[in-house]
Amino acid sequence: NVDYILWPDLDPRLGPAPEQGVISQTKLRDGRTY
């Protein structure tokens, strides 16, 4: 029953989040997606 995924974009094991289904993103001051 998973409707949402929270993805840590800066985790080197996972890399950037998939492009599909993006609802919201938080960013660091330098503009990188957190």
Full PDB file with SEQRES, HELIX, SHEET, SSBOND, CRYST1, ORIGX, SCALE, CONECT and MASTER records, all heavy atoms in Angstrom:
SEQRES   1 A   34  ASN VAL ASP TYR ILE LEU TRP PRO ASP LEU ASP PRO ARG          
SEQRES   2 A   34  LEU GLY PRO ALA PRO GLU GLN GLY VAL ILE SER GLN THR          
SEQRES   3 A   34  LYS LEU ARG ASP GLY ARG THR TYR                              
CRYST1    1.000    1.000    1.000  90.00  90.00  90.00 P 1           1          
ORIGX1      1.000000  0.000000  0.000000        0.00000                         
ORIGX2      0.000000  1.000000  0.000000        0.00000                         
ORIGX3      0.000000  0.000000  1.000000        0.00000                         
SCALE1      1.000000  0.000000  0.000000        0.00000                         
SCALE2      0.000000  1.000000  0.000000        0.00000                         
SCALE3      0.000000  0.000000  1.000000        0.00000                         
ATOM      1  N   ASN A   1       0.816  -1.205   0.000  1.00  0.00           N  
ATOM      2  CA  ASN A   1       0.000   0.000   0.000  1.00  0.00           C  
ATOM      3  C   ASN A   1       0.859   1.268   0.000  1.00  0.00           C  
ATOM      4  O   ASN A   1       0.541   2.268   0.627  1.00  0.00           O  
ATOM      5  CB  ASN A   1      -0.930  -0.033   1.230  1.00  0.00           C  
ATOM      6  CG  ASN A   1      -1.860   1.147   1.339  1.00  0.00           C  
ATOM      7  OD1 ASN A   1      -2.063   1.661   2.436  1.00  0.00           O  
ATOM      8  ND2 ASN A   1      -2.433   1.593   0.247  1.00  0.00           N  
ATOM      9  N   VAL A   2       2.000   1.210  -0.722  1.00  0.00           N  
ATOM     10  CA  VAL A   2       2.902   2.356  -0.796  1.00  0.00           C  
ATOM     11  C   VAL A   2       2.410   3.315  -1.885  1.00  0.00           C  
ATOM     12  O   VAL A   2       2.363   2.953  -3.068  1.00  0.00           O  
ATOM     13  CB  VAL A   2       4.351   1.912  -1.089  1.00  0.00           C  
ATOM     14  CG1 VAL A   2       5.239   3.115  -1.375  1.00  0.00           C  
ATOM     15  CG2 VAL A   2       4.894   1.109   0.089  1.00  0.00           C  
ATOM     16  N   ASP A   3       2.026   4.513  -1.487  1.00  0.00           N  
ATOM     17  CA  ASP A   3       1.585   5.548  -2.425  1.00  0.00           C  
ATOM     18  C   ASP A   3       2.634   6.629  -2.631  1.00  0.00           C  
ATOM     19  O   ASP A   3       2.511   7.429  -3.566  1.00  0.00           O  
ATOM     20  CB  ASP A   3       0.294   6.204  -1.939  1.00  0.00           C  
ATOM     21  CG  ASP A   3      -0.911   5.292  -2.111  1.00  0.00           C  
ATOM     22  OD1 ASP A   3      -0.776   4.239  -2.753  1.00  0.00           O  
ATOM     23  OD2 ASP A   3      -2.003   5.632  -1.597  1.00  0.00           O  
ATOM     24  N   TYR A   4       3.649   6.651  -1.735  1.00  0.00           N  
ATOM     25  CA  TYR A   4       4.664   7.701  -1.836  1.00  0.00           C  
ATOM     26  C   TYR A   4       6.036   7.141  -1.472  1.00  0.00           C  
ATOM     27  O   TYR A   4       6.151   6.213  -0.653  1.00  0.00           O  
ATOM     28  CB  TYR A   4       4.343   8.876  -0.893  1.00  0.00           C  
ATOM     29  CG  TYR A   4       3.014   9.531  -1.187  1.00  0.00           C  
ATOM     30  CD1 TYR A   4       1.872   9.167  -0.485  1.00  0.00           C  
ATOM     31  CD2 TYR A   4       2.902  10.500  -2.191  1.00  0.00           C  
ATOM     32  CE1 TYR A   4       0.649   9.749  -0.756  1.00  0.00           C  
ATOM     33  CE2 TYR A   4       1.677  11.092  -2.463  1.00  0.00           C  
ATOM     34  CZ  TYR A   4       0.565  10.714  -1.754  1.00  0.00           C  
ATOM     35  OH  TYR A   4      -0.641  11.293  -2.047  1.00  0.00           O  
ATOM     36  N   ILE A   5       7.060   7.730  -2.091  1.00  0.00           N  
ATOM     37  CA  ILE A   5       8.448   7.359  -1.818  1.00  0.00           C  
ATOM     38  C   ILE A   5       9.227   8.637  -1.525  1.00  0.00           C  
ATOM     39  O   ILE A   5       9.102   9.621  -2.262  1.00  0.00           O  
ATOM     40  CB  ILE A   5       9.087   6.624  -3.010  1.00  0.00           C  
ATOM     41  CG1 ILE A   5       8.348   5.314  -3.278  1.00  0.00           C  
ATOM     42  CG2 ILE A   5      10.563   6.359  -2.757  1.00  0.00           C  
ATOM     43  CD1 ILE A   5       8.811   4.599  -4.547  1.00  0.00           C  
ATOM     44  N   LEU A   6      10.010   8.623  -0.447  1.00  0.00           N  
ATOM     45  CA  LEU A   6      10.904   9.739  -0.133  1.00  0.00           C  
ATOM     46  C   LEU A   6      12.317   9.304  -0.477  1.00  0.00           C  
ATOM     47  O   LEU A   6      12.843   8.346   0.095  1.00  0.00           O  
ATOM     48  CB  LEU A   6      10.798  10.122   1.346  1.00  0.00           C  
ATOM     49  CG  LEU A   6      11.504  11.418   1.760  1.00  0.00           C  
ATOM     50  CD1 LEU A   6      10.941  12.611   1.002  1.00  0.00           C  
ATOM     51  CD2 LEU A   6      11.382  11.631   3.262  1.00  0.00           C  
ATOM     52  N   TRP A   7      12.927  10.016  -1.431  1.00  0.00           N  
ATOM     53  CA  TRP A   7      14.196   9.581  -2.017  1.00  0.00           C  
ATOM     54  C   TRP A   7      15.324  10.534  -1.619  1.00  0.00           C  
ATOM     55  O   TRP A   7      15.237  11.735  -1.873  1.00  0.00           O  
ATOM     56  CB  TRP A   7      14.071   9.544  -3.533  1.00  0.00           C  
ATOM     57  CG  TRP A   7      15.202   8.882  -4.243  1.00  0.00           C  
ATOM     58  CD1 TRP A   7      16.398   9.435  -4.564  1.00  0.00           C  
ATOM     59  CD2 TRP A   7      15.234   7.536  -4.724  1.00  0.00           C  
ATOM     60  NE1 TRP A   7      17.191   8.524  -5.207  1.00  0.00           N  
ATOM     61  CE2 TRP A   7      16.498   7.345  -5.328  1.00  0.00           C  
ATOM     62  CE3 TRP A   7      14.320   6.484  -4.712  1.00  0.00           C  
ATOM     63  CZ2 TRP A   7      16.859   6.131  -5.903  1.00  0.00           C  
ATOM     64  CZ3 TRP A   7      14.686   5.284  -5.279  1.00  0.00           C  
ATOM     65  CH2 TRP A   7      15.936   5.114  -5.874  1.00  0.00           C  
ATOM     66  N   PRO A   8      16.413  10.022  -1.000  1.00  0.00           N  
ATOM     67  CA  PRO A   8      17.561  10.876  -0.649  1.00  0.00           C  
ATOM     68  C   PRO A   8      18.503  11.032  -1.841  1.00  0.00           C  
ATOM     69  O   PRO A   8      19.350  10.169  -2.104  1.00  0.00           O  
ATOM     70  CB  PRO A   8      18.217  10.108   0.502  1.00  0.00           C  
ATOM     71  CG  PRO A   8      17.893   8.676   0.218  1.00  0.00           C  
ATOM     72  CD  PRO A   8      16.570   8.645  -0.496  1.00  0.00           C  
ATOM     73  N   ASP A   9      18.393  12.115  -2.564  1.00  0.00           N  
ATOM     74  CA  ASP A   9      19.130  12.276  -3.831  1.00  0.00           C  
ATOM     75  C   ASP A   9      20.639  12.298  -3.646  1.00  0.00           C  
ATOM     76  O   ASP A   9      21.383  11.966  -4.568  1.00  0.00           O  
ATOM     77  CB  ASP A   9      18.695  13.573  -4.511  1.00  0.00           C  
ATOM     78  CG  ASP A   9      17.251  13.505  -4.976  1.00  0.00           C  
ATOM     79  OD1 ASP A   9      16.341  13.545  -4.120  1.00  0.00           O  
ATOM     80  OD2 ASP A   9      17.021  13.389  -6.185  1.00  0.00           O  
ATOM     81  N   LEU A  10      21.110  12.700  -2.459  1.00  0.00           N  
ATOM     82  CA  LEU A  10      22.553  12.834  -2.250  1.00  0.00           C  
ATOM     83  C   LEU A  10      23.191  11.559  -1.709  1.00  0.00           C  
ATOM     84  O   LEU A  10      24.395  11.526  -1.459  1.00  0.00           O  
ATOM     85  CB  LEU A  10      22.844  14.003  -1.312  1.00  0.00           C  
ATOM     86  CG  LEU A  10      22.398  15.382  -1.812  1.00  0.00           C  
ATOM     87  CD1 LEU A  10      22.792  16.463  -0.822  1.00  0.00           C  
ATOM     88  CD2 LEU A  10      23.014  15.681  -3.176  1.00  0.00           C  
ATOM     89  N   ASP A  11      22.389  10.506  -1.521  1.00  0.00           N  
ATOM     90  CA  ASP A  11      22.943   9.239  -1.057  1.00  0.00           C  
ATOM     91  C   ASP A  11      23.694   8.593  -2.230  1.00  0.00           C  
ATOM     92  O   ASP A  11      23.082   8.258  -3.255  1.00  0.00           O  
ATOM     93  CB  ASP A  11      21.821   8.310  -0.586  1.00  0.00           C  
ATOM     94  CG  ASP A  11      22.353   7.062   0.116  1.00  0.00           C  
ATOM     95  OD1 ASP A  11      23.450   6.588  -0.260  1.00  0.00           O  
ATOM     96  OD2 ASP A  11      21.677   6.563   1.037  1.00  0.00           O  
ATOM     97  N   PRO A  12      25.014   8.409  -2.127  1.00  0.00           N  
ATOM     98  CA  PRO A  12      25.782   7.887  -3.265  1.00  0.00           C  
ATOM     99  C   PRO A  12      25.377   6.476  -3.668  1.00  0.00           C  
ATOM    100  O   PRO A  12      25.609   6.064  -4.809  1.00  0.00           O  
ATOM    101  CB  PRO A  12      27.232   7.926  -2.765  1.00  0.00           C  
ATOM    102  CG  PRO A  12      27.135   7.929  -1.271  1.00  0.00           C  
ATOM    103  CD  PRO A  12      25.867   8.671  -0.949  1.00  0.00           C  
ATOM    104  N   ARG A  13      24.746   5.730  -2.768  1.00  0.00           N  
ATOM    105  CA  ARG A  13      24.321   4.378  -3.109  1.00  0.00           C  
ATOM    106  C   ARG A  13      23.090   4.379  -4.012  1.00  0.00           C  
ATOM    107  O   ARG A  13      22.847   3.410  -4.724  1.00  0.00           O  
ATOM    108  CB  ARG A  13      24.015   3.583  -1.835  1.00  0.00           C  
ATOM    109  CG  ARG A  13      25.205   3.349  -0.930  1.00  0.00           C  
ATOM    110  CD  ARG A  13      24.778   2.806   0.410  1.00  0.00           C  
ATOM    111  NE  ARG A  13      23.946   3.772   1.115  1.00  0.00           N  
ATOM    112  CZ  ARG A  13      23.361   3.546   2.285  1.00  0.00           C  
ATOM    113  NH1 ARG A  13      23.527   2.368   2.860  1.00  0.00           N  
ATOM    114  NH2 ARG A  13      22.633   4.476   2.868  1.00  0.00           N  
ATOM    115  N   LEU A  14      22.302   5.455  -3.962  1.00  0.00           N  
ATOM    116  CA  LEU A  14      21.053   5.509  -4.711  1.00  0.00           C  
ATOM    117  C   LEU A  14      21.106   6.453  -5.901  1.00  0.00           C  
ATOM    118  O   LEU A  14      20.480   6.199  -6.928  1.00  0.00           O  
ATOM    119  CB  LEU A  14      19.905   5.933  -3.783  1.00  0.00           C  
ATOM    120  CG  LEU A  14      19.651   5.038  -2.559  1.00  0.00           C  
ATOM    121  CD1 LEU A  14      18.492   5.572  -1.759  1.00  0.00           C  
ATOM    122  CD2 LEU A  14      19.391   3.609  -2.992  1.00  0.00           C  
ATOM    123  N   GLY A  15      21.841   7.548  -5.763  1.00  0.00           N  
ATOM    124  CA  GLY A  15      21.900   8.519  -6.848  1.00  0.00           C  
ATOM    125  C   GLY A  15      20.643   9.365  -6.913  1.00  0.00           C  
ATOM    126  O   GLY A  15      19.790   9.318  -6.010  1.00  0.00           O  
ATOM    127  N   PRO A  16      20.477  10.163  -7.966  1.00  0.00           N  
ATOM    128  CA  PRO A  16      19.303  11.036  -8.101  1.00  0.00           C  
ATOM    129  C   PRO A  16      18.009  10.232  -8.175  1.00  0.00           C  
ATOM    130  O   PRO A  16      17.988   9.080  -8.591  1.00  0.00           O  
ATOM    131  CB  PRO A  16      19.570  11.797  -9.405  1.00  0.00           C  
ATOM    132  CG  PRO A  16      21.027  11.650  -9.654  1.00  0.00           C  
ATOM    133  CD  PRO A  16      21.424  10.337  -9.077  1.00  0.00           C  
ATOM    134  N   ALA A  17      16.909  10.876  -7.784  1.00  0.00           N  
ATOM    135  CA  ALA A  17      15.605  10.218  -7.791  1.00  0.00           C  
ATOM    136  C   ALA A  17      15.126   9.981  -9.210  1.00  0.00           C  
ATOM    137  O   ALA A  17      15.526  10.685 -10.147  1.00  0.00           O  
ATOM    138  CB  ALA A  17      14.597  11.086  -7.044  1.00  0.00           C  
ATOM    139  N   PRO A  18      14.257   8.977  -9.397  1.00  0.00           N  
ATOM    140  CA  PRO A  18      13.652   8.792 -10.722  1.00  0.00           C  
ATOM    141  C   PRO A  18      12.892  10.043 -11.151  1.00  0.00           C  
ATOM    142  O   PRO A  18      12.423  10.816 -10.316  1.00  0.00           O  
ATOM    143  CB  PRO A  18      12.699   7.605 -10.498  1.00  0.00           C  
ATOM    144  CG  PRO A  18      13.234   6.901  -9.285  1.00  0.00           C  
ATOM    145  CD  PRO A  18      13.837   7.950  -8.432  1.00  0.00           C  
ATOM    146  N   GLU A  19      12.756  10.235 -12.442  1.00  0.00           N  
ATOM    147  CA  GLU A  19      12.098  11.434 -12.950  1.00  0.00           C  
ATOM    148  C   GLU A  19      10.578  11.310 -12.939  1.00  0.00           C  
ATOM    149  O   GLU A  19       9.874  12.315 -12.966  1.00  0.00           O  
ATOM    150  CB  GLU A  19      12.578  11.724 -14.379  1.00  0.00           C  
ATOM    151  CG  GLU A  19      14.080  12.022 -14.463  1.00  0.00           C  
ATOM    152  CD  GLU A  19      14.517  12.288 -15.889  1.00  0.00           C  
ATOM    153  OE1 GLU A  19      13.658  12.200 -16.806  1.00  0.00           O  
ATOM    154  OE2 GLU A  19      15.724  12.570 -16.098  1.00  0.00           O  
ATOM    155  N   GLN A  20      10.050  10.090 -12.894  1.00  0.00           N  
ATOM    156  CA  GLN A  20       8.612   9.907 -12.936  1.00  0.00           C  
ATOM    157  C   GLN A  20       7.999  10.121 -11.556  1.00  0.00           C  
ATOM    158  O   GLN A  20       8.542   9.662 -10.547  1.00  0.00           O  
ATOM    159  CB  GLN A  20       8.254   8.495 -13.432  1.00  0.00           C  
ATOM    160  CG  GLN A  20       8.716   8.186 -14.844  1.00  0.00           C  
ATOM    161  CD  GLN A  20      10.185   7.811 -14.905  1.00  0.00           C  
ATOM    162  OE1 GLN A  20      10.768   7.458 -13.883  1.00  0.00           O  
ATOM    163  NE2 GLN A  20      10.767   7.879 -16.095  1.00  0.00           N  
ATOM    164  N   GLY A  21       6.849  10.766 -11.536  1.00  0.00           N  
ATOM    165  CA  GLY A  21       6.065  10.883 -10.310  1.00  0.00           C  
ATOM    166  C   GLY A  21       6.572  11.884  -9.300  1.00  0.00           C  
ATOM    167  O   GLY A  21       6.196  11.814  -8.133  1.00  0.00           O  
ATOM    168  N   VAL A  22       7.401  12.841  -9.701  1.00  0.00           N  
ATOM    169  CA  VAL A  22       7.929  13.820  -8.754  1.00  0.00           C  
ATOM    170  C   VAL A  22       6.803  14.750  -8.291  1.00  0.00           C  
ATOM    171  O   VAL A  22       6.101  15.352  -9.110  1.00  0.00           O  
ATOM    172  CB  VAL A  22       9.068  14.636  -9.387  1.00  0.00           C  
ATOM    173  CG1 VAL A  22       9.518  15.739  -8.428  1.00  0.00           C  
ATOM    174  CG2 VAL A  22      10.238  13.727  -9.732  1.00  0.00           C  
ATOM    175  N   ILE A  23       6.643  14.858  -6.970  1.00  0.00           N  
ATOM    176  CA  ILE A  23       5.637  15.739  -6.383  1.00  0.00           C  
ATOM    177  C   ILE A  23       6.281  16.993  -5.815  1.00  0.00           C  
ATOM    178  O   ILE A  23       5.821  18.120  -6.017  1.00  0.00           O  
ATOM    179  CB  ILE A  23       4.856  15.013  -5.268  1.00  0.00           C  
ATOM    180  CG1 ILE A  23       4.105  13.826  -5.842  1.00  0.00           C  
ATOM    181  CG2 ILE A  23       3.902  15.959  -4.559  1.00  0.00           C  
ATOM    182  CD1 ILE A  23       3.467  12.954  -4.787  1.00  0.00           C  
ATOM    183  N   SER A  24       7.377  16.790  -5.093  1.00  0.00           N  
ATOM    184  CA  SER A  24       8.023  17.904  -4.409  1.00  0.00           C  
ATOM    185  C   SER A  24       9.484  17.575  -4.194  1.00  0.00           C  
ATOM    186  O   SER A  24       9.863  16.389  -4.155  1.00  0.00           O  
ATOM    187  CB  SER A  24       7.328  18.157  -3.059  1.00  0.00           C  
ATOM    188  OG  SER A  24       8.017  19.118  -2.297  1.00  0.00           O  
ATOM    189  N   GLN A  25      10.314  18.616  -4.068  1.00  0.00           N  
ATOM    190  CA  GLN A  25      11.738  18.426  -3.800  1.00  0.00           C  
ATOM    191  C   GLN A  25      12.217  19.473  -2.806  1.00  0.00           C  
ATOM    192  O   GLN A  25      11.726  20.612  -2.796  1.00  0.00           O  
ATOM    193  CB  GLN A  25      12.562  18.534  -5.089  1.00  0.00           C  
ATOM    194  CG  GLN A  25      12.326  17.398  -6.069  1.00  0.00           C  
ATOM    195  CD  GLN A  25      13.187  17.516  -7.313  1.00  0.00           C  
ATOM    196  OE1 GLN A  25      13.390  18.610  -7.825  1.00  0.00           O  
ATOM    197  NE2 GLN A  25      13.704  16.384  -7.801  1.00  0.00           N  
ATOM    198  N   THR A  26      13.159  19.075  -1.963  1.00  0.00           N  
ATOM    199  CA  THR A  26      13.836  20.034  -1.088  1.00  0.00           C  
ATOM    200  C   THR A  26      15.259  20.189  -1.593  1.00  0.00           C  
ATOM    201  O   THR A  26      15.879  19.220  -2.039  1.00  0.00           O  
ATOM    202  CB  THR A  26      13.846  19.554   0.372  1.00  0.00           C  
ATOM    203  OG1 THR A  26      14.433  18.241   0.435  1.00  0.00           O  
ATOM    204  CG2 THR A  26      12.446  19.486   0.935  1.00  0.00           C  
ATOM    205  N   LYS A  27      15.756  21.410  -1.527  1.00  0.00           N  
ATOM    206  CA  LYS A  27      17.081  21.710  -2.079  1.00  0.00           C  
ATOM    207  C   LYS A  27      17.970  22.357  -1.029  1.00  0.00           C  
ATOM    208  O   LYS A  27      17.487  23.007  -0.098  1.00  0.00           O  
ATOM    209  CB  LYS A  27      16.954  22.632  -3.297  1.00  0.00           C  
ATOM    210  CG  LYS A  27      16.194  22.008  -4.470  1.00  0.00           C  
ATOM    211  CD  LYS A  27      16.125  22.950  -5.650  1.00  0.00           C  
ATOM    212  CE  LYS A  27      15.367  22.325  -6.818  1.00  0.00           C  
ATOM    213  NZ  LYS A  27      16.088  21.155  -7.379  1.00  0.00           N  
ATOM    214  N   LEU A  28      19.271  22.166  -1.196  1.00  0.00           N  
ATOM    215  CA  LEU A  28      20.255  22.830  -0.361  1.00  0.00           C  
ATOM    216  C   LEU A  28      20.467  24.270  -0.860  1.00  0.00           C  
ATOM    217  O   LEU A  28      19.991  24.655  -1.930  1.00  0.00           O  
ATOM    218  CB  LEU A  28      21.574  22.055  -0.387  1.00  0.00           C  
ATOM    219  CG  LEU A  28      21.519  20.605   0.113  1.00  0.00           C  
ATOM    220  CD1 LEU A  28      22.880  19.953  -0.053  1.00  0.00           C  
ATOM    221  CD2 LEU A  28      21.070  20.538   1.558  1.00  0.00           C  
ATOM    222  N   ARG A  29      21.202  25.038  -0.090  1.00  0.00           N  
ATOM    223  CA  ARG A  29      21.439  26.434  -0.469  1.00  0.00           C  
ATOM    224  C   ARG A  29      22.213  26.545  -1.772  1.00  0.00           C  
ATOM    225  O   ARG A  29      22.088  27.539  -2.491  1.00  0.00           O  
ATOM    226  CB  ARG A  29      22.197  27.152   0.652  1.00  0.00           C  
ATOM    227  CG  ARG A  29      21.355  27.351   1.911  1.00  0.00           C  
ATOM    228  CD  ARG A  29      22.142  28.091   2.975  1.00  0.00           C  
ATOM    229  NE  ARG A  29      21.332  28.296   4.179  1.00  0.00           N  
ATOM    230  CZ  ARG A  29      21.788  28.900   5.278  1.00  0.00           C  
ATOM    231  NH1 ARG A  29      23.050  29.332   5.327  1.00  0.00           N  
ATOM    232  NH2 ARG A  29      20.997  29.056   6.315  1.00  0.00           N  
ATOM    233  N   ASP A  30      23.014  25.525  -2.082  1.00  0.00           N  
ATOM    234  CA  ASP A  30      23.778  25.586  -3.328  1.00  0.00           C  
ATOM    235  C   ASP A  30      22.974  25.099  -4.536  1.00  0.00           C  
ATOM    236  O   ASP A  30      23.496  24.990  -5.645  1.00  0.00           O  
ATOM    237  CB  ASP A  30      25.075  24.776  -3.201  1.00  0.00           C  
ATOM    238  CG  ASP A  30      24.811  23.299  -2.894  1.00  0.00           C  
ATOM    239  OD1 ASP A  30      23.638  22.877  -2.933  1.00  0.00           O  
ATOM    240  OD2 ASP A  30      25.783  22.567  -2.613  1.00  0.00           O  
ATOM    241  N   GLY A  31      21.693  24.814  -4.331  1.00  0.00           N  
ATOM    242  CA  GLY A  31      20.818  24.426  -5.429  1.00  0.00           C  
ATOM    243  C   GLY A  31      20.709  22.938  -5.668  1.00  0.00           C  
ATOM    244  O   GLY A  31      19.863  22.494  -6.460  1.00  0.00           O  
ATOM    245  N   ARG A  32      21.508  22.125  -4.995  1.00  0.00           N  
ATOM    246  CA  ARG A  32      21.428  20.684  -5.194  1.00  0.00           C  
ATOM    247  C   ARG A  32      20.165  20.128  -4.531  1.00  0.00           C  
ATOM    248  O   ARG A  32      19.768  20.554  -3.452  1.00  0.00           O  
ATOM    249  CB  ARG A  32      22.651  19.989  -4.601  1.00  0.00           C  
ATOM    250  CG  ARG A  32      23.943  20.214  -5.372  1.00  0.00           C  
ATOM    251  CD  ARG A  32      25.091  19.455  -4.709  1.00  0.00           C  
ATOM    252  NE  ARG A  32      25.333  19.927  -3.346  1.00  0.00           N  
ATOM    253  CZ  ARG A  32      26.049  19.253  -2.453  1.00  0.00           C  
ATOM    254  NH1 ARG A  32      26.570  18.078  -2.767  1.00  0.00           N  
ATOM    255  NH2 ARG A  32      26.231  19.752  -1.247  1.00  0.00           N  
ATOM    256  N   THR A  33      19.541  19.153  -5.215  1.00  0.00           N  
ATOM    257  CA  THR A  33      18.345  18.516  -4.659  1.00  0.00           C  
ATOM    258  C   THR A  33      18.746  17.619  -3.494  1.00  0.00           C  
ATOM    259  O   THR A  33      19.629  16.764  -3.622  1.00  0.00           O  
ATOM    260  CB  THR A  33      17.616  17.693  -5.725  1.00  0.00           C  
ATOM    261  OG1 THR A  33      17.241  18.560  -6.806  1.00  0.00           O  
ATOM    262  CG2 THR A  33      16.375  17.039  -5.149  1.00  0.00           C  
ATOM    263  N   TYR A  34      18.082  17.809  -2.370  1.00  0.00           N  
ATOM    264  CA  TYR A  34      18.405  17.075  -1.151  1.00  0.00           C  
ATOM    265  C   TYR A  34      17.538  15.821  -1.025  1.00  0.00           C  
ATOM    266  O   TYR A  34      18.041  14.719  -0.855  1.00  0.00           O  
ATOM    267  CB  TYR A  34      18.212  17.999   0.048  1.00  0.00           C  
ATOM    268  CG  TYR A  34      18.439  17.363   1.387  1.00  0.00           C  
ATOM    269  CD1 TYR A  34      19.670  16.785   1.701  1.00  0.00           C  
ATOM    270  CD2 TYR A  34      17.432  17.337   2.357  1.00  0.00           C  
ATOM    271  CE1 TYR A  34      19.893  16.204   2.934  1.00  0.00           C  
ATOM    272  CE2 TYR A  34      17.649  16.762   3.596  1.00  0.00           C  
ATOM    273  CZ  TYR A  34      18.876  16.194   3.872  1.00  0.00           C  
ATOM    274  OH  TYR A  34      19.091  15.613   5.101  1.00  0.00           O  
TER     275      TYR A  34                                                      
MASTER        0    0    0    0    0    0    0    6  274    1    0    3          
END                                                                             
